[in-house]
Structures are given as structure tokens and as C-alpha cells.
Amino acid sequence: MNLIKYGHACVRLEVDDRVLVIDPGSFSEAEALDGVDEVLVTHEHPDHLDVAKLVAASQRNSAFRVYLPSAAIESAPELGGAAVAVEVGQRFTAAGLVVDVVGGAHAEIYDGLPGCANVGFVVDGTVYHPGDSLFVPPSPVETLFVPAAAPWLKLSEALDFVRAVRPKRAFPIHDATLNELGQEYFDGWDFKGGTEYARIPVGESVTIR
């Protein structure tokens, strides 16, 4: 599997000729959706769900589908028939890859807010994208995308999240608000637990087996 990192929380997964994109938001590049038939979206916030980009992709491709929580569909009626509702506990296939839906709630920022749905996606039983949450999946995963900066996140929580999931490897996401110094600061911490940690620069890729 080839993992390509795009801006903020957007990642593109490629296996042979199959392509799946997760969370193409307002801070990610439109090219992430080139040639893509199916997309996963964790929740309704614009930094994860750029409706204009998705509508444009659907207009180019009648087979285009976006899998996302029903609350997110309600916030993006422009997607029309391209939107497919998913819920926690569901298993489905997208781009020929098995996807398990986990989690359910967005991490709290303050005083119960934002209080919206957020699902995480485990792809092929091995790659986990949590969206805006620190939900620990019920089954082990080898590759974790770990949020690095958010109003709902402390550094200690990110570290504890990686240690709780105990993946073979972890890559940072949700990092558009970090400048180069902030990225270096986050990357310099010891995640322990045997997890290999590395940053994928935007637009670049790594291959996992």
C-alpha cells in the first residue's frame, strides 16, 4: 500500500490500481482527488470535508461516492446521490478495500462542544484514520495517523493515544496549523512502545507492507 500525505488530515491510499482518499478538506490539495472513485470522510467540519472539491469530483465522475456519517450528509446536501451514510460498527468495501467504521464522537474542545459525530476508519484491518478523535480501535492496527495539532488536543494526549493503540508505525496528520518549528517540536518526542514514527511531507509518499 502506498500512502500519500496531503494537506492537514487528507491522505491517499493506493493499492495497485485501487485508490481511496480520506478527509479531503479545505486545507488539502484538489489533486488528492485525481482519478479517485471513492472517498471516506470522518465528519462534517470543513477542514475534513471540502464540499466544493467533492462536488467537482462527482461532476467529473458519475461513479464517485463519498462515505460519511449521516449528520455530515445533512450539512452537505450538494453531494446528492454521491453521499453514502455510514455508522459505527459497519463494515463495507471502498475502492476494493475493506473498511471498518469505529469511534462515533468528535473530541471535546470545551463545554461539550462541538458535540458532533466523528467516525474513524480502519482500512484493510491495518491502517487507522481517527479523524478528530483519540478513539482507540478495538483491534490492533499496524499503521496509525496521529493528530498533531488541534484545539481539542494536548501533546500528552497525542503521545498517550499512540501508546494506547501501539501500532507498528505512526504518521502525523491534522497539522496544517503547525509551522516548521511546531512540526519539529512535535516530531522530536519519544512515542515509545516500539512504534516507528515519521513525518510524510505534503505531496510525498511511503510504501507499507
Protein backbone atom coordinates (compact mmCIF):
# COMPACT_ATOMS: atom_id res chain seq x y z
CA MET A 1 0.00 0.00 0.00
CA ASN A 2 1.26 3.45 -0.96
CA LEU A 3 0.37 6.30 1.45
CA ILE A 4 0.43 9.86 0.09
CA LYS A 5 0.09 12.75 2.54
CA TYR A 6 -1.83 15.83 1.51
CA GLY A 7 -2.57 18.98 3.49
CA HIS A 8 -3.82 18.70 7.06
CA ALA A 9 -5.81 15.47 7.59
CA CYS A 10 -6.02 14.25 4.00
CA VAL A 11 -4.34 11.01 2.97
CA ARG A 12 -4.50 9.00 -0.22
CA LEU A 13 -4.15 5.19 -0.13
CA GLU A 14 -3.11 3.36 -3.29
CA VAL A 15 -3.03 -0.41 -3.76
CA ASP A 16 -2.26 -1.44 -7.33
CA ASP A 17 -4.91 0.41 -9.38
CA ARG A 18 -7.22 1.00 -6.40
CA VAL A 19 -7.28 4.45 -4.81
CA LEU A 20 -9.04 5.63 -1.66
CA VAL A 21 -8.87 9.14 -0.19
CA ILE A 22 -9.68 10.08 3.41
CA ASP A 23 -10.72 13.56 4.62
CA PRO A 24 -10.07 15.90 1.68
CA GLY A 25 -10.72 19.20 3.42
CA SER A 26 -10.27 22.91 2.91
CA PHE A 27 -6.56 22.74 3.79
CA SER A 28 -5.79 19.92 1.35
CA GLU A 29 -4.96 19.99 -2.33
CA ALA A 30 -7.57 19.27 -5.02
CA GLU A 31 -5.12 16.94 -6.76
CA ALA A 32 -5.64 14.44 -3.94
CA LEU A 33 -8.90 13.51 -5.68
CA ASP A 34 -7.44 12.96 -9.14
CA GLY A 35 -8.68 9.67 -10.56
CA VAL A 36 -10.50 8.72 -7.35
CA ASP A 37 -13.86 6.93 -7.32
CA GLU A 38 -14.40 6.61 -3.56
CA VAL A 39 -13.72 8.85 -0.57
CA LEU A 40 -14.07 8.48 3.21
CA VAL A 41 -14.95 11.49 5.37
CA THR A 42 -14.81 11.29 9.17
CA HIS A 43 -17.06 14.26 9.97
CA GLU A 44 -18.66 17.49 8.83
CA HIS A 45 -16.02 20.13 9.62
CA PRO A 46 -14.63 21.93 6.55
CA ASP A 47 -11.01 21.05 7.29
CA HIS A 48 -12.04 17.42 6.68
CA LEU A 49 -14.95 17.90 4.28
CA ASP A 50 -14.48 20.34 1.41
CA VAL A 51 -17.88 20.13 -0.26
CA ALA A 52 -16.85 22.13 -3.34
CA LYS A 53 -13.95 19.79 -4.09
CA LEU A 54 -16.15 16.73 -3.70
CA VAL A 55 -18.98 18.13 -5.82
CA ALA A 56 -16.50 18.96 -8.57
CA ALA A 57 -15.16 15.40 -8.44
CA SER A 58 -18.67 13.95 -8.60
CA GLN A 59 -19.49 16.06 -11.65
CA ARG A 60 -16.48 14.61 -13.44
CA ASN A 61 -17.31 11.03 -12.47
CA SER A 62 -20.80 9.55 -12.15
CA ALA A 63 -19.39 6.61 -10.16
CA PHE A 64 -17.92 8.90 -7.49
CA ARG A 65 -19.03 8.09 -3.93
CA VAL A 66 -18.37 9.70 -0.55
CA TYR A 67 -18.85 7.64 2.63
CA LEU A 68 -19.56 9.76 5.71
CA PRO A 69 -21.78 10.00 8.82
CA SER A 70 -25.42 10.89 8.23
CA ALA A 71 -25.01 14.18 10.15
CA ALA A 72 -22.27 15.18 7.72
CA ILE A 73 -24.55 14.37 4.79
CA GLU A 74 -27.17 16.71 6.24
CA SER A 75 -24.58 19.51 6.29
CA ALA A 76 -23.63 18.86 2.66
CA PRO A 77 -26.83 18.36 0.61
CA GLU A 78 -24.91 19.41 -2.50
CA LEU A 79 -23.37 15.93 -2.62
CA GLY A 80 -26.72 14.45 -3.58
CA GLY A 81 -26.59 10.82 -4.64
CA ALA A 82 -22.80 10.70 -4.29
CA ALA A 83 -23.16 10.62 -0.49
CA VAL A 84 -23.42 7.28 1.31
CA ALA A 85 -24.18 7.20 5.05
CA VAL A 86 -22.05 5.04 7.33
CA GLU A 87 -22.29 4.29 11.03
CA VAL A 88 -20.16 2.85 13.80
CA GLY A 89 -19.87 -0.92 13.66
CA GLN A 90 -20.42 -1.07 9.91
CA ARG A 91 -18.08 -2.87 7.54
CA PHE A 92 -18.11 -2.10 3.82
CA THR A 93 -15.84 -2.14 0.79
CA ALA A 94 -14.50 1.01 -0.86
CA ALA A 95 -12.02 1.00 -3.74
CA GLY A 96 -11.73 -2.74 -3.22
CA LEU A 97 -10.53 -2.24 0.36
CA VAL A 98 -12.37 -3.42 3.47
CA VAL A 99 -13.31 -0.51 5.74
CA ASP A 100 -14.45 -0.77 9.37
CA VAL A 101 -16.20 2.20 10.97
CA VAL A 102 -15.23 2.89 14.60
CA GLY A 103 -15.45 5.66 17.19
CA GLY A 104 -18.51 7.86 16.90
CA ALA A 105 -17.90 11.20 18.62
CA HIS A 106 -15.73 14.25 17.97
CA ALA A 107 -13.23 15.02 20.72
CA GLU A 108 -14.46 17.74 23.06
CA ILE A 109 -12.98 21.20 22.67
CA TYR A 110 -14.75 22.96 25.53
CA ASP A 111 -18.04 22.77 27.43
CA GLY A 112 -19.35 19.85 25.38
CA LEU A 113 -18.56 21.48 22.05
CA PRO A 114 -18.55 20.73 19.16
CA GLY A 115 -20.72 17.75 20.05
CA CYS A 116 -20.88 16.32 16.54
CA ALA A 117 -20.45 12.87 15.10
CA ASN A 118 -16.97 11.71 14.10
CA VAL A 119 -16.13 8.25 12.84
CA GLY A 120 -12.74 6.66 12.44
CA PHE A 121 -11.87 4.35 9.56
CA VAL A 122 -9.77 1.18 9.77
CA VAL A 123 -8.77 0.23 6.23
CA ASP A 124 -7.92 -3.39 5.40
CA GLY A 125 -7.60 -4.07 9.12
CA THR A 126 -4.25 -2.32 9.22
CA VAL A 127 -4.46 1.45 8.59
CA TYR A 128 -6.37 3.68 11.02
CA HIS A 129 -7.50 7.29 10.46
CA PRO A 130 -9.29 8.61 13.58
CA GLY A 131 -10.49 11.97 12.24
CA ASP A 132 -10.97 14.40 15.12
CA SER A 133 -10.83 11.88 17.93
CA LEU A 134 -8.49 9.78 20.00
CA PHE A 135 -10.65 6.68 19.92
CA VAL A 136 -8.61 3.51 20.39
CA PRO A 137 -9.87 0.86 17.93
CA PRO A 138 -10.96 -2.50 19.31
CA SER A 139 -8.48 -4.45 17.19
CA PRO A 140 -4.74 -3.88 16.66
CA VAL A 141 -3.60 -1.84 13.67
CA GLU A 142 -0.16 -1.60 12.13
CA THR A 143 -0.36 1.98 10.81
CA LEU A 144 -1.81 4.94 12.69
CA PHE A 145 -2.40 8.50 11.53
CA VAL A 146 -1.99 10.54 14.71
CA PRO A 147 -3.43 14.08 15.06
CA ALA A 148 -0.65 16.56 15.83
CA ALA A 149 -2.37 19.91 16.46
CA ALA A 150 -5.96 20.89 17.24
CA PRO A 151 -7.98 23.00 19.69
CA TRP A 152 -9.16 19.74 21.26
CA LEU A 153 -5.69 18.23 21.62
CA LYS A 154 -2.74 18.34 24.02
CA LEU A 155 0.66 16.89 23.19
CA SER A 156 0.41 14.46 26.09
CA GLU A 157 -2.89 13.15 24.69
CA ALA A 158 -1.33 12.50 21.28
CA LEU A 159 1.52 10.62 22.94
CA ASP A 160 -0.86 8.59 25.09
CA PHE A 161 -3.00 7.83 22.03
CA VAL A 162 -0.07 6.30 20.15
CA ARG A 163 0.99 4.32 23.20
CA ALA A 164 -2.57 3.03 23.70
CA VAL A 165 -3.00 1.96 20.06
CA ARG A 166 0.54 0.51 19.92
CA PRO A 167 0.84 0.49 16.11
CA LYS A 168 3.94 -0.66 14.27
CA ARG A 169 4.24 2.82 12.74
CA ALA A 170 2.65 6.26 13.12
CA PHE A 171 2.47 9.28 10.83
CA PRO A 172 1.20 12.74 11.84
CA ILE A 173 -1.90 14.35 10.37
CA HIS A 174 -4.08 17.32 11.36
CA ASP A 175 -1.04 19.55 11.28
CA ALA A 176 -1.85 22.47 8.96
CA THR A 177 -1.70 24.93 11.85
CA LEU A 178 1.88 23.97 12.72
CA ASN A 179 4.74 25.91 11.20
CA GLU A 180 8.10 24.23 10.63
CA LEU A 181 9.18 24.84 14.22
CA GLY A 182 5.94 23.35 15.56
CA GLN A 183 6.36 20.29 13.38
CA GLU A 184 9.92 19.77 14.59
CA TYR A 185 8.76 20.12 18.19
CA PHE A 186 6.04 17.51 17.80
CA ASP A 187 8.29 15.16 15.84
CA GLY A 188 11.01 15.32 18.50
CA TRP A 189 9.03 13.49 21.18
CA ASP A 190 9.57 9.84 22.01
CA PHE A 191 6.41 7.88 21.28
CA LYS A 192 7.85 4.75 22.98
CA GLY A 193 6.12 1.40 22.89
CA GLY A 194 8.17 0.31 19.88
CA THR A 195 6.24 2.47 17.42
CA GLU A 196 8.20 3.79 14.45
CA TYR A 197 7.34 7.46 13.93
CA ALA A 198 8.00 9.53 10.81
CA ARG A 199 6.56 12.57 9.05
CA ILE A 200 5.42 12.30 5.44
CA PRO A 201 5.93 15.69 3.78
CA VAL A 202 2.90 17.01 1.91
CA GLY A 203 2.71 15.50 -1.55
CA GLU A 204 5.19 12.75 -0.78
CA SER A 205 4.56 9.09 -0.12
CA VAL A 206 5.70 6.00 1.74
CA THR A 207 5.06 2.35 0.98
CA ILE A 208 3.99 -0.06 3.69
CA ARG A 209 3.76 -3.83 3.52
